[in-house]
Amino acid sequence: MGDSEIIIFITFITLISLAFIIVIVMLVLRYRKRKLLYEHEQQLAKETHRMELLNVKTEVQSETMHQIGIEIHDSIAQKLTLASLHILRTEHEYNHLPIREALLQSSELINESLDDLRLLSRRLQMQIGAQTDLVENLRAEANKVRQLKICDVLFDTDRSSIMVDNQIGLTIQRLVQELIQNSLKHAGCSCIHIRLEAGDHELKMMVQDDGKGFQYHEKIDSPGMGLKNIEKRAALIGAITRFDSKPNEGTRFTLTLAQ
């Protein structure tokens, strides 16, 4: 074998060896790439599974809290409201001053507890996009007070149903409860009229009594009536309010809310 043939043979062997090494390196790199991809997919699957379990757990907890909130609102809060109204009815029938003052204090304590419970209920029930029927809620409030036979409570509306955000609905319902209690405690009225209207771009509510009325500028800072609190609550949902009242001419409260 000549020198040229030996050189060609060595070159051929070298090229084959290089090709073999390159193939081996490519296979190793491909294997490592597949292994890394597999491990990434496994990690991603584990993370996805963990997130699914977390979402299920969160949904269960949210639903549980929602149900607790409903129970607080529909059961405990309603019973405390009735207890407060029964106290007001009893206070209305008694002329003995110490007893009346004690009953009023008890009613105020119950109302404070109701505020705390309703706040807790709202937080537990809060769901993004959840809505409530304002017509149904206000009609229930009117019926509840009417059953106590302290005074007549009328409710009328131009709609069979008005769906609003939970936060807005609960705020308006609480405002109506405060207005009714003000009328029962301070106005000496025989009739309360609640009117609810809904247009394409506006929601309007009116609560009017036939009681003794008052001068707004004299009572706005009165802690017993809570007029400022009513106005602040309404402002939180972007509503505009107005009190129209004169002595011996009753009181009319108007709330306007853009939709």
Foldseek 3Di string as FASTA:
>chain_A
DDPVVVVVVVVVVVVVVVVVVVVVVVVVVVVVVVVVVVVVVVVVVVVVVVVVVVVVVVVVQLVVLQVVLCCLVVPVLLVLLLVLLVLLLVLVVDPPVVSNVVSVVVSVVSVVVSVVSNVSSCVSNDDPPDKDWLLVLVVVVQVSNVVVVLAHEEEDEPDPTDIDHPLVSSLVSVLVSLVVVCCSNPFSFRYWYWYWYDDPWKTKIKIWTQGQWDDCVVCVPPPVSCNVVSCVSLVVQPKDKDWDTDGNGTIMIMIMDTD
